[in-house]
Amino acid sequence: FSSFETFGADFGMQGGRRIPGGFNYYYINFLFLFSKNILIINYISYLFSVLSIWFLAKKNFEHLNLSGFLITIIIFLSSDTFVYQAKKFWNPSLGLPFITISLIFFYNFLKSFSLKNLFFFFLFSFLATQFHISFISIPILGLIFFIIYFKEYWLKIIFIFFIAILISYLPLIIEKNK
């Protein structure tokens, strides 16, 4: 009853082998700064998820007017699976705000073609991947999309992709080399 591991990446006491990377632990420890009560931490995490979806919908409003905003909100809030999963305190729901924030940077890149937005898209995607490996599909598809549609920048895109991996997985890389 005193172990938090049943909710983290170490489910089954596997010593961190299920999901490589340590960002989920840093994030959970950050949440513990607010409270040690798991229910309060769950509400904080849920609020962060809702706010990230709100900002994504707002970003769609900028691009697609009211219809984009409403479509985004309806897709997220009318999905029984999304609502059920987002309320659970487990790895995929903890990673949801980070993958949502990465999509905001994706939209920002398409609007401004700023390599800074591209870097943050990949960085937040890889941080989300450290909560659940299924999130890896977003940066991989993003890499393919960017290389296909921005061929003239393919070398920069690949460089940014690997720099984002390096930064997001740096604690794991350092720990493995000790």
N, C-alpha and C. Protein backbone atom coordinates (compact mmCIF):
# COMPACT_ATOMS: atom_id res chain seq x y z
N PHE A 1 0.81 -1.21 0.00
CA PHE A 1 0.00 0.00 0.00
C PHE A 1 0.85 1.27 0.00
N SER A 2 2.12 1.14 0.30
CA SER A 2 2.96 2.34 0.30
C SER A 2 3.72 2.50 -1.01
N SER A 3 3.65 1.53 -1.93
CA SER A 3 4.37 1.60 -3.20
C SER A 3 3.49 2.26 -4.26
N PHE A 4 4.09 3.16 -4.98
CA PHE A 4 3.38 3.83 -6.07
C PHE A 4 3.58 3.09 -7.39
N GLU A 5 4.36 2.04 -7.36
CA GLU A 5 4.78 1.38 -8.60
C GLU A 5 3.64 0.76 -9.39
N THR A 6 2.55 0.41 -8.75
CA THR A 6 1.46 -0.22 -9.50
C THR A 6 0.83 0.75 -10.49
N PHE A 7 1.10 2.04 -10.34
CA PHE A 7 0.56 3.03 -11.27
C PHE A 7 1.58 3.49 -12.29
N GLY A 8 2.85 3.15 -12.11
CA GLY A 8 3.91 3.67 -12.96
C GLY A 8 4.37 2.66 -14.00
N ALA A 9 5.48 2.99 -14.60
CA ALA A 9 6.02 2.14 -15.66
C ALA A 9 6.60 0.86 -15.11
N ASP A 10 6.78 0.77 -13.81
CA ASP A 10 7.35 -0.42 -13.20
C ASP A 10 6.29 -1.40 -12.74
N PHE A 11 5.13 -1.39 -13.34
CA PHE A 11 4.09 -2.33 -12.98
C PHE A 11 4.66 -3.74 -13.03
N GLY A 12 4.49 -4.47 -11.97
CA GLY A 12 5.05 -5.82 -11.90
C GLY A 12 6.49 -5.83 -11.42
N MET A 13 6.95 -4.70 -10.87
CA MET A 13 8.31 -4.59 -10.31
C MET A 13 9.37 -5.02 -11.33
N GLN A 14 9.33 -4.47 -12.52
CA GLN A 14 10.25 -4.85 -13.59
C GLN A 14 11.48 -3.96 -13.65
N GLY A 15 11.66 -3.07 -12.70
CA GLY A 15 12.86 -2.25 -12.66
C GLY A 15 13.00 -1.28 -13.82
N GLY A 16 11.89 -0.79 -14.37
CA GLY A 16 11.93 0.20 -15.44
C GLY A 16 12.09 -0.38 -16.83
N ARG A 17 11.95 -1.69 -16.99
CA ARG A 17 12.18 -2.29 -18.31
C ARG A 17 10.98 -2.19 -19.25
N ARG A 18 9.82 -1.83 -18.75
CA ARG A 18 8.64 -1.76 -19.65
C ARG A 18 8.68 -0.57 -20.56
N ILE A 19 9.02 0.59 -20.04
CA ILE A 19 9.01 1.81 -20.83
C ILE A 19 10.35 2.51 -20.61
N PRO A 20 11.20 2.56 -21.63
CA PRO A 20 12.50 3.21 -21.43
C PRO A 20 12.34 4.72 -21.26
N GLY A 21 13.18 5.28 -20.45
CA GLY A 21 13.15 6.71 -20.19
C GLY A 21 12.61 6.99 -18.81
N GLY A 22 13.01 8.07 -18.23
CA GLY A 22 12.64 8.36 -16.85
C GLY A 22 11.73 9.56 -16.67
N PHE A 23 11.26 10.15 -17.76
CA PHE A 23 10.47 11.37 -17.60
C PHE A 23 9.21 11.14 -16.80
N ASN A 24 8.59 9.97 -16.93
CA ASN A 24 7.37 9.70 -16.16
C ASN A 24 7.64 9.80 -14.66
N TYR A 25 8.82 9.36 -14.22
CA TYR A 25 9.16 9.45 -12.80
C TYR A 25 9.38 10.89 -12.37
N TYR A 26 10.06 11.67 -13.23
CA TYR A 26 10.25 13.09 -12.91
C TYR A 26 8.91 13.80 -12.81
N TYR A 27 8.02 13.49 -13.72
CA TYR A 27 6.71 14.12 -13.74
C TYR A 27 5.90 13.75 -12.49
N ILE A 28 5.89 12.47 -12.15
CA ILE A 28 5.15 12.03 -10.97
C ILE A 28 5.73 12.66 -9.71
N ASN A 29 7.05 12.71 -9.61
CA ASN A 29 7.68 13.37 -8.46
C ASN A 29 7.35 14.86 -8.43
N PHE A 30 7.27 15.48 -9.59
CA PHE A 30 6.85 16.89 -9.65
C PHE A 30 5.43 17.04 -9.11
N LEU A 31 4.54 16.14 -9.50
CA LEU A 31 3.17 16.20 -9.00
C LEU A 31 3.11 15.99 -7.49
N PHE A 32 4.01 15.18 -6.95
CA PHE A 32 4.07 14.96 -5.50
C PHE A 32 4.45 16.23 -4.74
N LEU A 33 5.03 17.21 -5.42
CA LEU A 33 5.32 18.49 -4.76
C LEU A 33 4.04 19.19 -4.33
N PHE A 34 2.95 18.96 -5.07
CA PHE A 34 1.68 19.60 -4.77
C PHE A 34 0.93 18.88 -3.65
N SER A 35 1.01 17.55 -3.66
CA SER A 35 0.31 16.77 -2.65
C SER A 35 0.82 15.33 -2.69
N LYS A 36 0.71 14.65 -1.58
CA LYS A 36 1.02 13.22 -1.55
C LYS A 36 -0.25 12.39 -1.72
N ASN A 37 -1.40 13.06 -1.74
CA ASN A 37 -2.68 12.38 -1.90
C ASN A 37 -2.86 12.02 -3.37
N ILE A 38 -2.96 10.74 -3.66
CA ILE A 38 -3.06 10.27 -5.03
C ILE A 38 -4.31 10.79 -5.73
N LEU A 39 -5.38 11.01 -5.01
CA LEU A 39 -6.61 11.53 -5.60
C LEU A 39 -6.40 12.97 -6.08
N ILE A 40 -5.74 13.78 -5.27
CA ILE A 40 -5.46 15.17 -5.67
C ILE A 40 -4.52 15.19 -6.87
N ILE A 41 -3.50 14.33 -6.86
CA ILE A 41 -2.58 14.26 -8.00
C ILE A 41 -3.32 13.84 -9.26
N ASN A 42 -4.25 12.91 -9.13
CA ASN A 42 -5.05 12.49 -10.27
C ASN A 42 -5.86 13.66 -10.83
N TYR A 43 -6.47 14.46 -9.96
CA TYR A 43 -7.23 15.62 -10.42
C TYR A 43 -6.34 16.66 -11.08
N ILE A 44 -5.14 16.86 -10.55
CA ILE A 44 -4.20 17.80 -11.17
C ILE A 44 -3.82 17.30 -12.56
N SER A 45 -3.52 16.02 -12.67
CA SER A 45 -3.17 15.43 -13.96
C SER A 45 -4.34 15.54 -14.95
N TYR A 46 -5.53 15.26 -14.47
CA TYR A 46 -6.73 15.35 -15.32
C TYR A 46 -6.94 16.79 -15.79
N LEU A 47 -6.75 17.74 -14.89
CA LEU A 47 -6.89 19.16 -15.25
C LEU A 47 -5.87 19.54 -16.32
N PHE A 48 -4.63 19.06 -16.16
CA PHE A 48 -3.59 19.33 -17.15
C PHE A 48 -3.98 18.76 -18.51
N SER A 49 -4.57 17.57 -18.54
CA SER A 49 -5.03 16.97 -19.78
C SER A 49 -6.13 17.80 -20.43
N VAL A 50 -7.09 18.21 -19.62
CA VAL A 50 -8.20 19.01 -20.15
C VAL A 50 -7.69 20.35 -20.69
N LEU A 51 -6.78 20.98 -19.96
CA LEU A 51 -6.22 22.26 -20.43
C LEU A 51 -5.44 22.09 -21.73
N SER A 52 -4.69 21.00 -21.86
CA SER A 52 -3.94 20.79 -23.10
C SER A 52 -4.89 20.59 -24.28
N ILE A 53 -5.99 19.88 -24.05
CA ILE A 53 -6.98 19.70 -25.12
C ILE A 53 -7.66 21.02 -25.45
N TRP A 54 -7.91 21.83 -24.43
CA TRP A 54 -8.50 23.15 -24.65
C TRP A 54 -7.59 24.00 -25.54
N PHE A 55 -6.28 23.99 -25.24
CA PHE A 55 -5.34 24.77 -26.05
C PHE A 55 -5.22 24.22 -27.47
N LEU A 56 -5.30 22.90 -27.62
CA LEU A 56 -5.30 22.32 -28.97
C LEU A 56 -6.54 22.75 -29.73
N ALA A 57 -7.69 22.73 -29.08
CA ALA A 57 -8.93 23.18 -29.72
C ALA A 57 -8.85 24.66 -30.08
N LYS A 58 -8.26 25.44 -29.19
CA LYS A 58 -8.08 26.87 -29.46
C LYS A 58 -7.17 27.08 -30.67
N LYS A 59 -6.12 26.26 -30.78
CA LYS A 59 -5.22 26.34 -31.94
C LYS A 59 -5.97 25.97 -33.21
N ASN A 60 -6.86 24.97 -33.14
CA ASN A 60 -7.68 24.62 -34.30
C ASN A 60 -8.64 25.75 -34.64
N PHE A 61 -9.10 26.49 -33.62
CA PHE A 61 -9.97 27.64 -33.86
C PHE A 61 -9.24 28.69 -34.70
N GLU A 62 -7.95 28.89 -34.42
CA GLU A 62 -7.16 29.85 -35.19
C GLU A 62 -7.07 29.45 -36.65
N HIS A 63 -7.01 28.14 -36.92
CA HIS A 63 -6.85 27.66 -38.29
C HIS A 63 -8.18 27.41 -38.99
N LEU A 64 -9.16 26.91 -38.23
CA LEU A 64 -10.40 26.46 -38.86
C LEU A 64 -11.65 27.16 -38.33
N ASN A 65 -11.47 28.25 -37.63
CA ASN A 65 -12.58 29.01 -37.05
C ASN A 65 -13.34 28.18 -36.03
N LEU A 66 -14.59 28.52 -35.80
CA LEU A 66 -15.40 27.86 -34.78
C LEU A 66 -15.60 26.38 -35.08
N SER A 67 -15.72 26.04 -36.36
CA SER A 67 -15.94 24.63 -36.71
C SER A 67 -14.75 23.76 -36.28
N GLY A 68 -13.52 24.23 -36.44
CA GLY A 68 -12.34 23.48 -36.00
C GLY A 68 -12.31 23.30 -34.50
N PHE A 69 -12.67 24.35 -33.78
CA PHE A 69 -12.72 24.29 -32.33
C PHE A 69 -13.75 23.25 -31.87
N LEU A 70 -14.95 23.34 -32.43
CA LEU A 70 -16.03 22.43 -32.04
C LEU A 70 -15.72 20.98 -32.41
N ILE A 71 -15.14 20.78 -33.60
CA ILE A 71 -14.80 19.42 -34.02
C ILE A 71 -13.78 18.82 -33.06
N THR A 72 -12.78 19.60 -32.67
CA THR A 72 -11.76 19.10 -31.74
C THR A 72 -12.38 18.73 -30.40
N ILE A 73 -13.19 19.62 -29.84
CA ILE A 73 -13.81 19.36 -28.55
C ILE A 73 -14.75 18.16 -28.63
N ILE A 74 -15.54 18.08 -29.70
CA ILE A 74 -16.49 16.98 -29.84
C ILE A 74 -15.76 15.64 -29.97
N ILE A 75 -14.67 15.61 -30.75
CA ILE A 75 -13.92 14.36 -30.92
C ILE A 75 -13.41 13.86 -29.57
N PHE A 76 -12.85 14.77 -28.78
CA PHE A 76 -12.30 14.34 -27.49
C PHE A 76 -13.39 14.03 -26.47
N LEU A 77 -14.36 14.90 -26.34
CA LEU A 77 -15.32 14.74 -25.25
C LEU A 77 -16.47 13.79 -25.53
N SER A 78 -16.69 13.45 -26.79
CA SER A 78 -17.77 12.51 -27.08
C SER A 78 -17.27 11.06 -27.14
N SER A 79 -15.99 10.87 -27.01
CA SER A 79 -15.43 9.53 -27.04
C SER A 79 -15.50 8.91 -25.65
N ASP A 80 -16.32 7.87 -25.51
CA ASP A 80 -16.41 7.18 -24.23
C ASP A 80 -15.04 6.66 -23.79
N THR A 81 -14.29 6.13 -24.74
CA THR A 81 -12.97 5.59 -24.41
C THR A 81 -12.05 6.68 -23.90
N PHE A 82 -12.04 7.84 -24.58
CA PHE A 82 -11.16 8.92 -24.14
C PHE A 82 -11.52 9.37 -22.72
N VAL A 83 -12.79 9.61 -22.48
CA VAL A 83 -13.22 10.09 -21.17
C VAL A 83 -12.89 9.07 -20.09
N TYR A 84 -13.13 7.80 -20.37
CA TYR A 84 -12.84 6.74 -19.40
C TYR A 84 -11.33 6.65 -19.13
N GLN A 85 -10.53 6.66 -20.19
CA GLN A 85 -9.08 6.52 -20.03
C GLN A 85 -8.46 7.75 -19.39
N ALA A 86 -8.94 8.93 -19.74
CA ALA A 86 -8.35 10.17 -19.20
C ALA A 86 -8.57 10.29 -17.70
N LYS A 87 -9.64 9.69 -17.19
CA LYS A 87 -9.90 9.77 -15.74
C LYS A 87 -9.05 8.80 -14.94
N LYS A 88 -8.48 7.79 -15.61
CA LYS A 88 -7.65 6.82 -14.90
C LYS A 88 -6.26 7.42 -14.66
N PHE A 89 -5.68 7.05 -13.56
CA PHE A 89 -4.33 7.53 -13.25
C PHE A 89 -3.35 6.43 -13.64
N TRP A 90 -2.93 6.46 -14.89
CA TRP A 90 -1.97 5.49 -15.38
C TRP A 90 -1.17 6.12 -16.49
N ASN A 91 -0.18 5.41 -16.98
CA ASN A 91 0.79 5.99 -17.90
C ASN A 91 0.20 6.66 -19.13
N PRO A 92 -0.70 6.01 -19.89
CA PRO A 92 -1.21 6.68 -21.09
C PRO A 92 -1.92 8.01 -20.78
N SER A 93 -2.69 8.05 -19.72
CA SER A 93 -3.39 9.31 -19.42
C SER A 93 -2.42 10.37 -18.91
N LEU A 94 -1.33 9.97 -18.26
CA LEU A 94 -0.33 10.95 -17.82
C LEU A 94 0.43 11.53 -19.01
N GLY A 95 0.59 10.75 -20.08
CA GLY A 95 1.30 11.22 -21.26
C GLY A 95 0.43 12.01 -22.22
N LEU A 96 -0.88 11.93 -22.05
CA LEU A 96 -1.80 12.61 -22.97
C LEU A 96 -1.54 14.11 -23.11
N PRO A 97 -1.35 14.87 -22.03
CA PRO A 97 -1.13 16.30 -22.24
C PRO A 97 0.16 16.58 -23.02
N PHE A 98 1.16 15.75 -22.87
CA PHE A 98 2.42 15.99 -23.57
C PHE A 98 2.29 15.71 -25.06
N ILE A 99 1.53 14.69 -25.43
CA ILE A 99 1.33 14.42 -26.85
C ILE A 99 0.41 15.49 -27.45
N THR A 100 -0.54 15.97 -26.66
CA THR A 100 -1.43 17.04 -27.14
C THR A 100 -0.65 18.33 -27.34
N ILE A 101 0.25 18.65 -26.42
CA ILE A 101 1.09 19.84 -26.58
C ILE A 101 1.98 19.69 -27.81
N SER A 102 2.46 18.48 -28.07
CA SER A 102 3.28 18.28 -29.27
C SER A 102 2.48 18.60 -30.53
N LEU A 103 1.18 18.26 -30.53
CA LEU A 103 0.34 18.57 -31.70
C LEU A 103 0.15 20.08 -31.87
N ILE A 104 0.14 20.81 -30.77
CA ILE A 104 0.06 22.27 -30.85
C ILE A 104 1.31 22.80 -31.55
N PHE A 105 2.49 22.26 -31.19
CA PHE A 105 3.72 22.69 -31.86
C PHE A 105 3.73 22.25 -33.32
N PHE A 106 3.10 21.13 -33.63
CA PHE A 106 2.96 20.68 -35.01
C PHE A 106 2.19 21.74 -35.82
N TYR A 107 1.07 22.18 -35.28
CA TYR A 107 0.29 23.23 -35.95
C TYR A 107 1.09 24.52 -36.07
N ASN A 108 1.81 24.86 -35.02
CA ASN A 108 2.62 26.08 -35.06
C ASN A 108 3.70 26.00 -36.14
N PHE A 109 4.29 24.82 -36.30
CA PHE A 109 5.29 24.66 -37.35
C PHE A 109 4.66 24.84 -38.73
N LEU A 110 3.50 24.25 -38.95
CA LEU A 110 2.84 24.38 -40.25
C LEU A 110 2.47 25.82 -40.55
N LYS A 111 2.23 26.58 -39.51
CA LYS A 111 1.86 27.99 -39.69
C LYS A 111 3.09 28.87 -39.91
N SER A 112 4.18 28.60 -39.18
CA SER A 112 5.32 29.51 -39.20
C SER A 112 6.57 28.94 -39.86
N PHE A 113 6.64 27.62 -40.03
CA PHE A 113 7.82 26.93 -40.54
C PHE A 113 9.06 27.22 -39.69
N SER A 114 8.83 27.45 -38.42
CA SER A 114 9.92 27.69 -37.48
C SER A 114 10.48 26.35 -37.00
N LEU A 115 11.79 26.19 -37.12
CA LEU A 115 12.42 24.94 -36.69
C LEU A 115 12.32 24.76 -35.17
N LYS A 116 12.15 25.86 -34.45
CA LYS A 116 11.94 25.77 -33.00
C LYS A 116 10.66 25.00 -32.70
N ASN A 117 9.59 25.27 -33.45
CA ASN A 117 8.33 24.53 -33.26
C ASN A 117 8.49 23.07 -33.63
N LEU A 118 9.27 22.79 -34.65
CA LEU A 118 9.53 21.41 -35.04
C LEU A 118 10.27 20.67 -33.92
N PHE A 119 11.27 21.33 -33.34
CA PHE A 119 12.02 20.73 -32.23
C PHE A 119 11.09 20.42 -31.06
N PHE A 120 10.23 21.37 -30.67
CA PHE A 120 9.33 21.14 -29.54
C PHE A 120 8.26 20.10 -29.85
N PHE A 121 7.86 20.00 -31.11
CA PHE A 121 6.94 18.92 -31.50
C PHE A 121 7.57 17.57 -31.19
N PHE A 122 8.80 17.38 -31.66
CA PHE A 122 9.48 16.10 -31.41
C PHE A 122 9.79 15.91 -29.93
N LEU A 123 10.24 16.95 -29.24
CA LEU A 123 10.60 16.82 -27.83
C LEU A 123 9.40 16.38 -26.99
N PHE A 124 8.27 17.07 -27.13
CA PHE A 124 7.09 16.71 -26.34
C PHE A 124 6.55 15.34 -26.75
N SER A 125 6.70 14.97 -28.03
CA SER A 125 6.29 13.63 -28.47
C SER A 125 7.12 12.56 -27.78
N PHE A 126 8.43 12.77 -27.69
CA PHE A 126 9.29 11.77 -27.05
C PHE A 126 9.11 11.76 -25.54
N LEU A 127 8.76 12.88 -24.95
CA LEU A 127 8.44 12.87 -23.52
C LEU A 127 7.17 12.06 -23.28
N ALA A 128 6.17 12.21 -24.15
CA ALA A 128 4.94 11.43 -24.03
C ALA A 128 5.22 9.94 -24.23
N THR A 129 6.15 9.62 -25.12
CA THR A 129 6.50 8.23 -25.38
C THR A 129 7.05 7.55 -24.14
N GLN A 130 7.62 8.32 -23.23
CA GLN A 130 8.15 7.74 -22.00
C GLN A 130 7.05 7.37 -21.02
N PHE A 131 5.82 7.76 -21.30
CA PHE A 131 4.68 7.32 -20.50
C PHE A 131 4.08 6.04 -21.07
N HIS A 132 3.98 6.00 -22.40
CA HIS A 132 3.44 4.79 -23.05
C HIS A 132 4.00 4.72 -24.45
N ILE A 133 4.46 3.56 -24.82
CA ILE A 133 5.16 3.38 -26.09
C ILE A 133 4.24 3.62 -27.30
N SER A 134 2.93 3.53 -27.13
CA SER A 134 2.02 3.76 -28.26
C SER A 134 2.12 5.19 -28.79
N PHE A 135 2.58 6.12 -27.97
CA PHE A 135 2.73 7.50 -28.43
C PHE A 135 3.85 7.66 -29.46
N ILE A 136 4.68 6.64 -29.65
CA ILE A 136 5.79 6.73 -30.61
C ILE A 136 5.28 6.92 -32.03
N SER A 137 4.05 6.54 -32.29
CA SER A 137 3.51 6.68 -33.65
C SER A 137 3.46 8.14 -34.08
N ILE A 138 3.24 9.06 -33.15
CA ILE A 138 3.13 10.48 -33.51
C ILE A 138 4.46 11.04 -34.03
N PRO A 139 5.59 10.90 -33.30
CA PRO A 139 6.83 11.45 -33.87
C PRO A 139 7.32 10.72 -35.12
N ILE A 140 7.05 9.41 -35.21
CA ILE A 140 7.47 8.67 -36.41
C ILE A 140 6.67 9.14 -37.62
N LEU A 141 5.35 9.24 -37.46
CA LEU A 141 4.53 9.75 -38.56
C LEU A 141 4.87 11.20 -38.88
N GLY A 142 5.17 11.99 -37.84
CA GLY A 142 5.58 13.38 -38.05
C GLY A 142 6.87 13.45 -38.86
N LEU A 143 7.83 12.61 -38.53
CA LEU A 143 9.09 12.59 -39.27
C LEU A 143 8.85 12.25 -40.73
N ILE A 144 8.06 11.23 -40.99
CA ILE A 144 7.75 10.86 -42.38
C ILE A 144 7.04 12.00 -43.09
N PHE A 145 6.05 12.61 -42.44
CA PHE A 145 5.31 13.73 -43.03
C PHE A 145 6.25 14.88 -43.38
N PHE A 146 7.10 15.25 -42.43
CA PHE A 146 7.98 16.40 -42.65
C PHE A 146 9.00 16.11 -43.75
N ILE A 147 9.51 14.90 -43.81
CA ILE A 147 10.49 14.58 -44.85
C ILE A 147 9.82 14.58 -46.23
N ILE A 148 8.60 14.10 -46.32
CA ILE A 148 7.90 14.06 -47.60
C ILE A 148 7.53 15.47 -48.07
N TYR A 149 6.98 16.29 -47.17
CA TYR A 149 6.46 17.59 -47.58
C TYR A 149 7.45 18.74 -47.47
N PHE A 150 8.55 18.51 -46.79
CA PHE A 150 9.58 19.55 -46.65
C PHE A 150 10.93 18.95 -47.04
N LYS A 151 10.98 18.41 -48.26
CA LYS A 151 12.16 17.69 -48.74
C LYS A 151 13.43 18.53 -48.68
N GLU A 152 13.30 19.81 -48.90
CA GLU A 152 14.49 20.66 -48.93
C GLU A 152 15.13 20.81 -47.55
N TYR A 153 14.40 20.44 -46.50
CA TYR A 153 14.92 20.54 -45.13
C TYR A 153 15.15 19.17 -44.49
N TRP A 154 15.21 18.11 -45.29
CA TRP A 154 15.24 16.76 -44.73
C TRP A 154 16.40 16.55 -43.76
N LEU A 155 17.57 17.11 -44.05
CA LEU A 155 18.72 16.93 -43.17
C LEU A 155 18.50 17.63 -41.83
N LYS A 156 17.95 18.84 -41.88
CA LYS A 156 17.65 19.57 -40.64
C LYS A 156 16.58 18.84 -39.83
N ILE A 157 15.59 18.31 -40.51
CA ILE A 157 14.50 17.60 -39.84
C ILE A 157 15.04 16.37 -39.12
N ILE A 158 15.86 15.60 -39.77
CA ILE A 158 16.44 14.41 -39.13
C ILE A 158 17.35 14.81 -37.97
N PHE A 159 18.12 15.87 -38.15
CA PHE A 159 18.99 16.36 -37.07
C PHE A 159 18.15 16.76 -35.85
N ILE A 160 17.10 17.52 -36.07
CA ILE A 160 16.22 17.95 -34.97
C ILE A 160 15.56 16.74 -34.31
N PHE A 161 15.13 15.78 -35.11
CA PHE A 161 14.53 14.54 -34.60
C PHE A 161 15.48 13.85 -33.62
N PHE A 162 16.73 13.68 -34.01
CA PHE A 162 17.68 12.99 -33.14
C PHE A 162 18.13 13.83 -31.95
N ILE A 163 18.18 15.12 -32.09
CA ILE A 163 18.49 16.00 -30.94
C ILE A 163 17.37 15.90 -29.91
N ALA A 164 16.12 15.87 -30.37
CA ALA A 164 14.98 15.74 -29.45
C ALA A 164 15.02 14.39 -28.73
N ILE A 165 15.38 13.33 -29.44
CA ILE A 165 15.53 12.02 -28.79
C ILE A 165 16.62 12.08 -27.74
N LEU A 166 17.75 12.65 -28.12
CA LEU A 166 18.88 12.73 -27.20
C LEU A 166 18.52 13.49 -25.93
N ILE A 167 17.89 14.63 -26.07
CA ILE A 167 17.53 15.44 -24.89
C ILE A 167 16.48 14.74 -24.04
N SER A 168 15.45 14.19 -24.67
CA SER A 168 14.38 13.58 -23.88
C SER A 168 14.80 12.29 -23.20
N TYR A 169 15.75 11.58 -23.79
CA TYR A 169 16.21 10.33 -23.20
C TYR A 169 17.57 10.45 -22.52
N LEU A 170 18.06 11.66 -22.33
CA LEU A 170 19.37 11.86 -21.72
C LEU A 170 19.52 11.20 -20.35
N PRO A 171 18.53 11.31 -19.44
CA PRO A 171 18.70 10.60 -18.16
C PRO A 171 18.87 9.09 -18.32
N LEU A 172 18.15 8.49 -19.25
CA LEU A 172 18.28 7.06 -19.51
C LEU A 172 19.66 6.74 -20.08
N ILE A 173 20.13 7.55 -21.01
CA ILE A 173 21.44 7.33 -21.63
C ILE A 173 22.55 7.45 -20.58
N ILE A 174 22.46 8.46 -19.74
CA ILE A 174 23.48 8.66 -18.70
C ILE A 174 23.46 7.49 -17.72
N GLU A 175 22.26 7.08 -17.30
CA GLU A 175 22.15 6.00 -16.31
C GLU A 175 22.65 4.67 -16.87
N LYS A 176 22.37 4.40 -18.14
CA LYS A 176 22.79 3.14 -18.75
C LYS A 176 24.31 3.07 -18.89
N ASN A 177 24.98 4.23 -19.01
CA ASN A 177 26.42 4.26 -19.18
C ASN A 177 27.19 4.31 -17.88
N LYS A 178 26.50 4.26 -16.75
CA LYS A 178 27.19 4.28 -15.45
C LYS A 178 27.67 2.90 -15.08
